[in-house]
Amino acid sequence: MTLGLRKLIVLLLVAAVFLLANVWLVARWLQELGAVDLARYIRSEYLTPTAVTIIVVLLVLLVGTGRSVGFVRRCPVCDRLLLGGSKYCGECGSRV
């Protein structure tokens, strides 16, 4: 699973909870099922503005794993493309 796909899944889950709590078109049907009350509870308890901010920051700062294929590698810190057999990243200076 790629980093972009993981970010997309988390964003879709957060958006689904917000939309579930604010749906007007099918609100009566969702109210009968109890889904609206559950979504309001989840939003009020777990998706506070601080939690949403932390989720967004972690998604931005989340770095993929450094996989190497032959002489082409990625830096595990800044995710820059590294060519050749260098031991240090030219961008951030971290040891690879």
PDB file of N, CA and C in Angstrom:
ATOM      1  N   MET A   1       0.847  -1.167   0.000  1.00  0.00           N
ATOM      2  CA  MET A   1       0.000   0.000   0.000  1.00  0.00           C
ATOM      3  C   MET A   1       0.896   1.234   0.000  1.00  0.00           C
ATOM      4  N   THR A   2       0.673   2.121  -0.937  1.00  0.00           N
ATOM      5  CA  THR A   2       1.524   3.295  -1.068  1.00  0.00           C
ATOM      6  C   THR A   2       1.134   4.366  -0.061  1.00  0.00           C
ATOM      7  N   LEU A   3       2.043   5.303   0.119  1.00  0.00           N
ATOM      8  CA  LEU A   3       1.820   6.390   1.063  1.00  0.00           C
ATOM      9  C   LEU A   3       0.628   7.236   0.642  1.00  0.00           C
ATOM     10  N   GLY A   4       0.529   7.525  -0.647  1.00  0.00           N
ATOM     11  CA  GLY A   4      -0.597   8.319  -1.132  1.00  0.00           C
ATOM     12  C   GLY A   4      -1.932   7.640  -0.899  1.00  0.00           C
ATOM     13  N   LEU A   5      -1.965   6.326  -1.057  1.00  0.00           N
ATOM     14  CA  LEU A   5      -3.198   5.580  -0.840  1.00  0.00           C
ATOM     15  C   LEU A   5      -3.586   5.588   0.638  1.00  0.00           C
ATOM     16  N   ARG A   6      -2.606   5.476   1.521  1.00  0.00           N
ATOM     17  CA  ARG A   6      -2.898   5.537   2.957  1.00  0.00           C
ATOM     18  C   ARG A   6      -3.451   6.897   3.345  1.00  0.00           C
ATOM     19  N   LYS A   7      -2.858   7.972   2.800  1.00  0.00           N
ATOM     20  CA  LYS A   7      -3.362   9.314   3.090  1.00  0.00           C
ATOM     21  C   LYS A   7      -4.789   9.480   2.578  1.00  0.00           C
ATOM     22  N   LEU A   8      -5.056   8.970   1.388  1.00  0.00           N
ATOM     23  CA  LEU A   8      -6.387   9.069   0.815  1.00  0.00           C
ATOM     24  C   LEU A   8      -7.419   8.330   1.660  1.00  0.00           C
ATOM     25  N   ILE A   9      -7.075   7.162   2.160  1.00  0.00           N
ATOM     26  CA  ILE A   9      -7.997   6.396   2.997  1.00  0.00           C
ATOM     27  C   ILE A   9      -8.332   7.157   4.273  1.00  0.00           C
ATOM     28  N   VAL A  10      -7.330   7.728   4.925  1.00  0.00           N
ATOM     29  CA  VAL A  10      -7.573   8.472   6.163  1.00  0.00           C
ATOM     30  C   VAL A  10      -8.431   9.701   5.884  1.00  0.00           C
ATOM     31  N   LEU A  11      -8.136  10.433   4.828  1.00  0.00           N
ATOM     32  CA  LEU A  11      -8.940  11.613   4.500  1.00  0.00           C
ATOM     33  C   LEU A  11     -10.371  11.240   4.157  1.00  0.00           C
ATOM     34  N   LEU A  12     -10.571  10.156   3.439  1.00  0.00           N
ATOM     35  CA  LEU A  12     -11.923   9.716   3.107  1.00  0.00           C
ATOM     36  C   LEU A  12     -12.700   9.286   4.345  1.00  0.00           C
ATOM     37  N   LEU A  13     -12.036   8.644   5.287  1.00  0.00           N
ATOM     38  CA  LEU A  13     -12.713   8.256   6.523  1.00  0.00           C
ATOM     39  C   LEU A  13     -13.132   9.464   7.344  1.00  0.00           C
ATOM     40  N   VAL A  14     -12.269  10.453   7.452  1.00  0.00           N
ATOM     41  CA  VAL A  14     -12.612  11.668   8.189  1.00  0.00           C
ATOM     42  C   VAL A  14     -13.754  12.403   7.483  1.00  0.00           C
ATOM     43  N   ALA A  15     -13.684  12.515   6.164  1.00  0.00           N
ATOM     44  CA  ALA A  15     -14.756  13.173   5.417  1.00  0.00           C
ATOM     45  C   ALA A  15     -16.069  12.406   5.538  1.00  0.00           C
ATOM     46  N   ALA A  16     -16.011  11.093   5.566  1.00  0.00           N
ATOM     47  CA  ALA A  16     -17.227  10.296   5.692  1.00  0.00           C
ATOM     48  C   ALA A  16     -17.908  10.530   7.032  1.00  0.00           C
ATOM     49  N   VAL A  17     -17.137  10.654   8.101  1.00  0.00           N
ATOM     50  CA  VAL A  17     -17.732  10.918   9.412  1.00  0.00           C
ATOM     51  C   VAL A  17     -18.386  12.294   9.432  1.00  0.00           C
ATOM     52  N   PHE A  18     -17.722  13.301   8.869  1.00  0.00           N
ATOM     53  CA  PHE A  18     -18.325  14.635   8.823  1.00  0.00           C
ATOM     54  C   PHE A  18     -19.579  14.647   7.963  1.00  0.00           C
ATOM     55  N   LEU A  19     -19.540  14.014   6.817  1.00  0.00           N
ATOM     56  CA  LEU A  19     -20.717  13.980   5.948  1.00  0.00           C
ATOM     57  C   LEU A  19     -21.852  13.185   6.557  1.00  0.00           C
ATOM     58  N   LEU A  20     -21.529  12.124   7.254  1.00  0.00           N
ATOM     59  CA  LEU A  20     -22.551  11.309   7.882  1.00  0.00           C
ATOM     60  C   LEU A  20     -23.302  12.106   8.944  1.00  0.00           C
ATOM     61  N   ALA A  21     -22.613  13.004   9.625  1.00  0.00           N
ATOM     62  CA  ALA A  21     -23.256  13.807  10.662  1.00  0.00           C
ATOM     63  C   ALA A  21     -24.048  14.971  10.081  1.00  0.00           C
ATOM     64  N   ASN A  22     -23.827  15.338   8.818  1.00  0.00           N
ATOM     65  CA  ASN A  22     -24.467  16.523   8.250  1.00  0.00           C
ATOM     66  C   ASN A  22     -25.290  16.249   7.003  1.00  0.00           C
ATOM     67  N   VAL A  23     -25.705  15.048   6.773  1.00  0.00           N
ATOM     68  CA  VAL A  23     -26.474  14.706   5.577  1.00  0.00           C
ATOM     69  C   VAL A  23     -27.914  15.186   5.766  1.00  0.00           C
ATOM     70  N   TRP A  24     -28.413  15.961   4.771  1.00  0.00           N
ATOM     71  CA  TRP A  24     -29.787  16.450   4.832  1.00  0.00           C
ATOM     72  C   TRP A  24     -30.743  15.580   4.018  1.00  0.00           C
ATOM     73  N   LEU A  25     -30.272  15.070   2.924  1.00  0.00           N
ATOM     74  CA  LEU A  25     -31.147  14.350   2.009  1.00  0.00           C
ATOM     75  C   LEU A  25     -31.677  13.051   2.606  1.00  0.00           C
ATOM     76  N   VAL A  26     -30.845  12.322   3.288  1.00  0.00           N
ATOM     77  CA  VAL A  26     -31.264  11.042   3.854  1.00  0.00           C
ATOM     78  C   VAL A  26     -31.225  11.065   5.379  1.00  0.00           C
ATOM     79  N   ALA A  27     -31.439  12.231   5.965  1.00  0.00           N
ATOM     80  CA  ALA A  27     -31.330  12.388   7.411  1.00  0.00           C
ATOM     81  C   ALA A  27     -32.372  11.561   8.163  1.00  0.00           C
ATOM     82  N   ARG A  28     -33.591  11.513   7.658  1.00  0.00           N
ATOM     83  CA  ARG A  28     -34.633  10.769   8.370  1.00  0.00           C
ATOM     84  C   ARG A  28     -34.302   9.273   8.402  1.00  0.00           C
ATOM     85  N   TRP A  29     -33.864   8.749   7.254  1.00  0.00           N
ATOM     86  CA  TRP A  29     -33.521   7.336   7.190  1.00  0.00           C
ATOM     87  C   TRP A  29     -32.332   7.019   8.095  1.00  0.00           C
ATOM     88  N   LEU A  30     -31.320   7.895   8.081  1.00  0.00           N
ATOM     89  CA  LEU A  30     -30.161   7.688   8.941  1.00  0.00           C
ATOM     90  C   LEU A  30     -30.519   7.857  10.418  1.00  0.00           C
ATOM     91  N   GLN A  31     -31.469   8.756  10.702  1.00  0.00           N
ATOM     92  CA  GLN A  31     -31.909   8.951  12.083  1.00  0.00           C
ATOM     93  C   GLN A  31     -32.603   7.699  12.602  1.00  0.00           C
ATOM     94  N   GLU A  32     -33.413   7.082  11.758  1.00  0.00           N
ATOM     95  CA  GLU A  32     -34.095   5.852  12.162  1.00  0.00           C
ATOM     96  C   GLU A  32     -33.102   4.728  12.430  1.00  0.00           C
ATOM     97  N   LEU A  33     -32.038   4.679  11.674  1.00  0.00           N
ATOM     98  CA  LEU A  33     -31.014   3.658  11.885  1.00  0.00           C
ATOM     99  C   LEU A  33     -30.120   3.958  13.091  1.00  0.00           C
ATOM    100  N   GLY A  34     -30.112   5.217  13.542  1.00  0.00           N
ATOM    101  CA  GLY A  34     -29.255   5.613  14.653  1.00  0.00           C
ATOM    102  C   GLY A  34     -27.865   6.035  14.209  1.00  0.00           C
ATOM    103  N   ALA A  35     -27.654   6.148  12.902  1.00  0.00           N
ATOM    104  CA  ALA A  35     -26.330   6.493  12.400  1.00  0.00           C
ATOM    105  C   ALA A  35     -25.992   7.965  12.649  1.00  0.00           C
ATOM    106  N   VAL A  36     -27.000   8.829  12.632  1.00  0.00           N
ATOM    107  CA  VAL A  36     -26.748  10.262  12.836  1.00  0.00           C
ATOM    108  C   VAL A  36     -26.261  10.512  14.256  1.00  0.00           C
ATOM    109  N   ASP A  37     -26.913   9.897  15.229  1.00  0.00           N
ATOM    110  CA  ASP A  37     -26.485  10.083  16.619  1.00  0.00           C
ATOM    111  C   ASP A  37     -25.089   9.517  16.858  1.00  0.00           C
ATOM    112  N   LEU A  38     -24.808   8.387  16.235  1.00  0.00           N
ATOM    113  CA  LEU A  38     -23.472   7.805  16.366  1.00  0.00           C
ATOM    114  C   LEU A  38     -22.413   8.715  15.745  1.00  0.00           C
ATOM    115  N   ALA A  39     -22.695   9.268  14.578  1.00  0.00           N
ATOM    116  CA  ALA A  39     -21.734  10.160  13.917  1.00  0.00           C
ATOM    117  C   ALA A  39     -21.538  11.447  14.714  1.00  0.00           C
ATOM    118  N   ARG A  40     -22.605  11.996  15.287  1.00  0.00           N
ATOM    119  CA  ARG A  40     -22.471  13.202  16.121  1.00  0.00           C
ATOM    120  C   ARG A  40     -21.620  12.919  17.351  1.00  0.00           C
ATOM    121  N   TYR A  41     -21.833  11.756  17.935  1.00  0.00           N
ATOM    122  CA  TYR A  41     -21.032  11.384  19.104  1.00  0.00           C
ATOM    123  C   TYR A  41     -19.560  11.250  18.730  1.00  0.00           C
ATOM    124  N   ILE A  42     -19.290  10.563  17.626  1.00  0.00           N
ATOM    125  CA  ILE A  42     -17.899  10.390  17.188  1.00  0.00           C
ATOM    126  C   ILE A  42     -17.273  11.740  16.867  1.00  0.00           C
ATOM    127  N   ARG A  43     -18.017  12.602  16.173  1.00  0.00           N
ATOM    128  CA  ARG A  43     -17.471  13.913  15.817  1.00  0.00           C
ATOM    129  C   ARG A  43     -17.201  14.753  17.054  1.00  0.00           C
ATOM    130  N   SER A  44     -18.112  14.741  18.016  1.00  0.00           N
ATOM    131  CA  SER A  44     -17.926  15.582  19.204  1.00  0.00           C
ATOM    132  C   SER A  44     -16.838  15.046  20.129  1.00  0.00           C
ATOM    133  N   GLU A  45     -16.710  13.730  20.205  1.00  0.00           N
ATOM    134  CA  GLU A  45     -15.735  13.148  21.128  1.00  0.00           C
ATOM    135  C   GLU A  45     -14.341  12.986  20.520  1.00  0.00           C
ATOM    136  N   TYR A  46     -14.283  12.587  19.251  1.00  0.00           N
ATOM    137  CA  TYR A  46     -12.995  12.192  18.686  1.00  0.00           C
ATOM    138  C   TYR A  46     -12.478  13.118  17.594  1.00  0.00           C
ATOM    139  N   LEU A  47     -13.329  13.873  16.939  1.00  0.00           N
ATOM    140  CA  LEU A  47     -12.873  14.753  15.861  1.00  0.00           C
ATOM    141  C   LEU A  47     -12.986  16.218  16.280  1.00  0.00           C
ATOM    142  N   THR A  48     -12.342  16.531  17.379  1.00  0.00           N
ATOM    143  CA  THR A  48     -12.268  17.911  17.818  1.00  0.00           C
ATOM    144  C   THR A  48     -11.333  18.663  16.877  1.00  0.00           C
ATOM    145  N   PRO A  49     -11.387  19.986  16.863  1.00  0.00           N
ATOM    146  CA  PRO A  49     -10.468  20.726  15.982  1.00  0.00           C
ATOM    147  C   PRO A  49      -8.998  20.394  16.221  1.00  0.00           C
ATOM    148  N   THR A  50      -8.630  20.130  17.466  1.00  0.00           N
ATOM    149  CA  THR A  50      -7.254  19.755  17.754  1.00  0.00           C
ATOM    150  C   THR A  50      -6.915  18.414  17.124  1.00  0.00           C
ATOM    151  N   ALA A  51      -7.818  17.455  17.224  1.00  0.00           N
ATOM    152  CA  ALA A  51      -7.572  16.129  16.641  1.00  0.00           C
ATOM    153  C   ALA A  51      -7.483  16.213  15.122  1.00  0.00           C
ATOM    154  N   VAL A  52      -8.344  17.017  14.501  1.00  0.00           N
ATOM    155  CA  VAL A  52      -8.302  17.172  13.042  1.00  0.00           C
ATOM    156  C   VAL A  52      -6.985  17.817  12.622  1.00  0.00           C
ATOM    157  N   THR A  53      -6.533  18.816  13.370  1.00  0.00           N
ATOM    158  CA  THR A  53      -5.260  19.465  13.074  1.00  0.00           C
ATOM    159  C   THR A  53      -4.112  18.471  13.175  1.00  0.00           C
ATOM    160  N   ILE A  54      -4.109  17.654  14.210  1.00  0.00           N
ATOM    161  CA  ILE A  54      -3.049  16.670  14.382  1.00  0.00           C
ATOM    162  C   ILE A  54      -3.083  15.643  13.258  1.00  0.00           C
ATOM    163  N   ILE A  55      -4.272  15.196  12.852  1.00  0.00           N
ATOM    164  CA  ILE A  55      -4.390  14.235  11.756  1.00  0.00           C
ATOM    165  C   ILE A  55      -3.823  14.824  10.468  1.00  0.00           C
ATOM    166  N   VAL A  56      -4.160  16.084  10.172  1.00  0.00           N
ATOM    167  CA  VAL A  56      -3.670  16.719   8.951  1.00  0.00           C
ATOM    168  C   VAL A  56      -2.158  16.880   8.990  1.00  0.00           C
ATOM    169  N   VAL A  57      -1.615  17.311  10.127  1.00  0.00           N
ATOM    170  CA  VAL A  57      -0.161  17.485  10.251  1.00  0.00           C
ATOM    171  C   VAL A  57       0.554  16.149  10.104  1.00  0.00           C
ATOM    172  N   LEU A  58       0.032  15.095  10.710  1.00  0.00           N
ATOM    173  CA  LEU A  58       0.664  13.783  10.580  1.00  0.00           C
ATOM    174  C   LEU A  58       0.608  13.274   9.147  1.00  0.00           C
ATOM    175  N   LEU A  59      -0.471  13.559   8.431  1.00  0.00           N
ATOM    176  CA  LEU A  59      -0.544  13.153   7.034  1.00  0.00           C
ATOM    177  C   LEU A  59       0.480  13.890   6.185  1.00  0.00           C
ATOM    178  N   VAL A  60       0.714  15.162   6.508  1.00  0.00           N
ATOM    179  CA  VAL A  60       1.693  15.936   5.756  1.00  0.00           C
ATOM    180  C   VAL A  60       3.110  15.456   6.079  1.00  0.00           C
ATOM    181  N   LEU A  61       3.361  15.163   7.346  1.00  0.00           N
ATOM    182  CA  LEU A  61       4.708  14.794   7.771  1.00  0.00           C
ATOM    183  C   LEU A  61       5.013  13.315   7.603  1.00  0.00           C
ATOM    184  N   LEU A  62       4.014  12.505   7.300  1.00  0.00           N
ATOM    185  CA  LEU A  62       4.216  11.076   7.146  1.00  0.00           C
ATOM    186  C   LEU A  62       5.142  10.804   5.972  1.00  0.00           C
ATOM    187  N   VAL A  63       6.220  10.071   6.232  1.00  0.00           N
ATOM    188  CA  VAL A  63       7.216   9.780   5.209  1.00  0.00           C
ATOM    189  C   VAL A  63       7.178   8.292   4.928  1.00  0.00           C
ATOM    190  N   GLY A  64       7.224   7.944   3.656  1.00  0.00           N
ATOM    191  CA  GLY A  64       7.219   6.537   3.270  1.00  0.00           C
ATOM    192  C   GLY A  64       8.511   5.843   3.646  1.00  0.00           C
ATOM    193  N   THR A  65       8.494   4.530   3.603  1.00  0.00           N
ATOM    194  CA  THR A  65       9.682   3.758   3.931  1.00  0.00           C
ATOM    195  C   THR A  65      10.682   3.841   2.791  1.00  0.00           C
ATOM    196  N   GLY A  66      11.953   3.867   3.116  1.00  0.00           N
ATOM    197  CA  GLY A  66      12.996   3.953   2.098  1.00  0.00           C
ATOM    198  C   GLY A  66      13.264   2.587   1.489  1.00  0.00           C
ATOM    199  N   ARG A  67      12.752   2.335   0.325  1.00  0.00           N
ATOM    200  CA  ARG A  67      12.978   1.068  -0.362  1.00  0.00           C
ATOM    201  C   ARG A  67      14.079   1.270  -1.385  1.00  0.00           C
ATOM    202  N   SER A  68      14.916   0.264  -1.537  1.00  0.00           N
ATOM    203  CA  SER A  68      15.992   0.383  -2.511  1.00  0.00           C
ATOM    204  C   SER A  68      15.821  -0.671  -3.593  1.00  0.00           C
ATOM    205  N   VAL A  69      16.026  -0.244  -4.822  1.00  0.00           N
ATOM    206  CA  VAL A  69      15.982  -1.149  -5.968  1.00  0.00           C
ATOM    207  C   VAL A  69      17.258  -0.890  -6.754  1.00  0.00           C
ATOM    208  N   GLY A  70      18.257  -1.738  -6.571  1.00  0.00           N
ATOM    209  CA  GLY A  70      19.531  -1.547  -7.263  1.00  0.00           C
ATOM    210  C   GLY A  70      20.237  -0.299  -6.769  1.00  0.00           C
ATOM    211  N   PHE A  71      20.614   0.569  -7.721  1.00  0.00           N
ATOM    212  CA  PHE A  71      21.309   1.799  -7.360  1.00  0.00           C
ATOM    213  C   PHE A  71      20.363   2.969  -7.153  1.00  0.00           C
ATOM    214  N   VAL A  72      19.080   2.763  -7.354  1.00  0.00           N
ATOM    215  CA  VAL A  72      18.096   3.836  -7.161  1.00  0.00           C
ATOM    216  C   VAL A  72      17.440   3.625  -5.809  1.00  0.00           C
ATOM    217  N   ARG A  73      17.591   4.620  -4.929  1.00  0.00           N
ATOM    218  CA  ARG A  73      17.021   4.544  -3.579  1.00  0.00           C
ATOM    219  C   ARG A  73      16.347   5.857  -3.234  1.00  0.00           C
ATOM    220  N   ARG A  74      15.618   5.852  -2.134  1.00  0.00           N
ATOM    221  CA  ARG A  74      14.994   7.061  -1.612  1.00  0.00           C
ATOM    222  C   ARG A  74      15.497   7.293  -0.198  1.00  0.00           C
ATOM    223  N   CYS A  75      15.657   8.561   0.142  1.00  0.00           N
ATOM    224  CA  CYS A  75      16.092   8.931   1.486  1.00  0.00           C
ATOM    225  C   CYS A  75      14.951   8.632   2.467  1.00  0.00           C
ATOM    226  N   PRO A  76      15.239   7.961   3.592  1.00  0.00           N
ATOM    227  CA  PRO A  76      14.176   7.656   4.547  1.00  0.00           C
ATOM    228  C   PRO A  76      13.685   8.880   5.316  1.00  0.00           C
ATOM    229  N   VAL A  77      14.422   9.988   5.279  1.00  0.00           N
ATOM    230  CA  VAL A  77      14.032  11.189   6.010  1.00  0.00           C
ATOM    231  C   VAL A  77      13.243  12.154   5.124  1.00  0.00           C
ATOM    232  N   CYS A  78      13.801  12.535   3.986  1.00  0.00           N
ATOM    233  CA  CYS A  78      13.162  13.546   3.131  1.00  0.00           C
ATOM    234  C   CYS A  78      12.524  12.961   1.876  1.00  0.00           C
ATOM    235  N   ASP A  79      12.666  11.654   1.642  1.00  0.00           N
ATOM    236  CA  ASP A  79      12.055  10.930   0.517  1.00  0.00           C
ATOM    237  C   ASP A  79      12.552  11.426  -0.837  1.00  0.00           C
ATOM    238  N   ARG A  80      13.779  11.944  -0.882  1.00  0.00           N
ATOM    239  CA  ARG A  80      14.377  12.371  -2.152  1.00  0.00           C
ATOM    240  C   ARG A  80      14.969  11.183  -2.880  1.00  0.00           C
ATOM    241  N   LEU A  81      15.026  11.256  -4.184  1.00  0.00           N
ATOM    242  CA  LEU A  81      15.589  10.198  -5.005  1.00  0.00           C
ATOM    243  C   LEU A  81      17.110  10.255  -4.915  1.00  0.00           C
ATOM    244  N   LEU A  82      17.737   9.115  -4.578  1.00  0.00           N
ATOM    245  CA  LEU A  82      19.192   9.031  -4.460  1.00  0.00           C
ATOM    246  C   LEU A  82      19.710   8.094  -5.530  1.00  0.00           C
ATOM    247  N   LEU A  83      20.674   8.532  -6.267  1.00  0.00           N
ATOM    248  CA  LEU A  83      21.270   7.717  -7.309  1.00  0.00           C
ATOM    249  C   LEU A  83      22.679   7.337  -6.893  1.00  0.00           C
ATOM    250  N   GLY A  84      23.122   6.154  -7.289  1.00  0.00           N
ATOM    251  CA  GLY A  84      24.480   5.717  -6.987  1.00  0.00           C
ATOM    252  C   GLY A  84      24.603   5.105  -5.618  1.00  0.00           C
ATOM    253  N   GLY A  85      25.812   5.001  -5.149  1.00  0.00           N
ATOM    254  CA  GLY A  85      26.074   4.330  -3.880  1.00  0.00           C
ATOM    255  C   GLY A  85      26.434   5.269  -2.755  1.00  0.00           C
ATOM    256  N   SER A  86      25.944   6.489  -2.763  1.00  0.00           N
ATOM    257  CA  SER A  86      26.283   7.443  -1.709  1.00  0.00           C
ATOM    258  C   SER A  86      25.674   7.003  -0.376  1.00  0.00           C
ATOM    259  N   LYS A  87      26.386   7.288   0.696  1.00  0.00           N
ATOM    260  CA  LYS A  87      25.921   6.908   2.023  1.00  0.00           C
ATOM    261  C   LYS A  87      25.111   8.007   2.688  1.00  0.00           C
ATOM    262  N   TYR A  88      25.164   9.228   2.149  1.00  0.00           N
ATOM    263  CA  TYR A  88      24.468  10.348   2.764  1.00  0.00           C
ATOM    264  C   TYR A  88      23.581  11.037   1.733  1.00  0.00           C
ATOM    265  N   CYS A  89      22.460  11.560   2.188  1.00  0.00           N
ATOM    266  CA  CYS A  89      21.529  12.292   1.322  1.00  0.00           C
ATOM    267  C   CYS A  89      22.104  13.684   1.055  1.00  0.00           C
ATOM    268  N   GLY A  90      22.074  14.101  -0.196  1.00  0.00           N
ATOM    269  CA  GLY A  90      22.588  15.417  -0.561  1.00  0.00           C
ATOM    270  C   GLY A  90      21.671  16.552  -0.134  1.00  0.00           C
ATOM    271  N   GLU A  91      20.396  16.287   0.079  1.00  0.00           N
ATOM    272  CA  GLU A  91      19.439  17.318   0.447  1.00  0.00           C
ATOM    273  C   GLU A  91      19.429  17.595   1.957  1.00  0.00           C
ATOM    274  N   CYS A  92      19.233  16.522   2.737  1.00  0.00           N
ATOM    275  CA  CYS A  92      19.091  16.724   4.176  1.00  0.00           C
ATOM    276  C   CYS A  92      20.313  16.297   4.972  1.00  0.00           C
ATOM    277  N   GLY A  93      21.239  15.544   4.346  1.00  0.00           N
ATOM    278  CA  GLY A  93      22.470  15.147   5.025  1.00  0.00           C
ATOM    279  C   GLY A  93      22.351  13.911   5.888  1.00  0.00           C
ATOM    280  N   SER A  94      21.200  13.259   5.893  1.00  0.00           N
ATOM    281  CA  SER A  94      21.035  12.081   6.733  1.00  0.00           C
ATOM    282  C   SER A  94      21.739  10.874   6.134  1.00  0.00           C
ATOM    283  N   ARG A  95      22.117   9.944   6.992  1.00  0.00           N
ATOM    284  CA  ARG A  95      22.790   8.719   6.527  1.00  0.00           C
ATOM    285  C   ARG A  95      21.722   7.771   5.975  1.00  0.00           C
ATOM    286  N   VAL A  96      22.019   7.191   4.829  1.00  0.00           N
ATOM    287  CA  VAL A  96      21.065   6.306   4.168  1.00  0.00           C
ATOM    288  C   VAL A  96      21.395   4.879   4.497  1.00  0.00           C
TER     289      VAL A  96
END
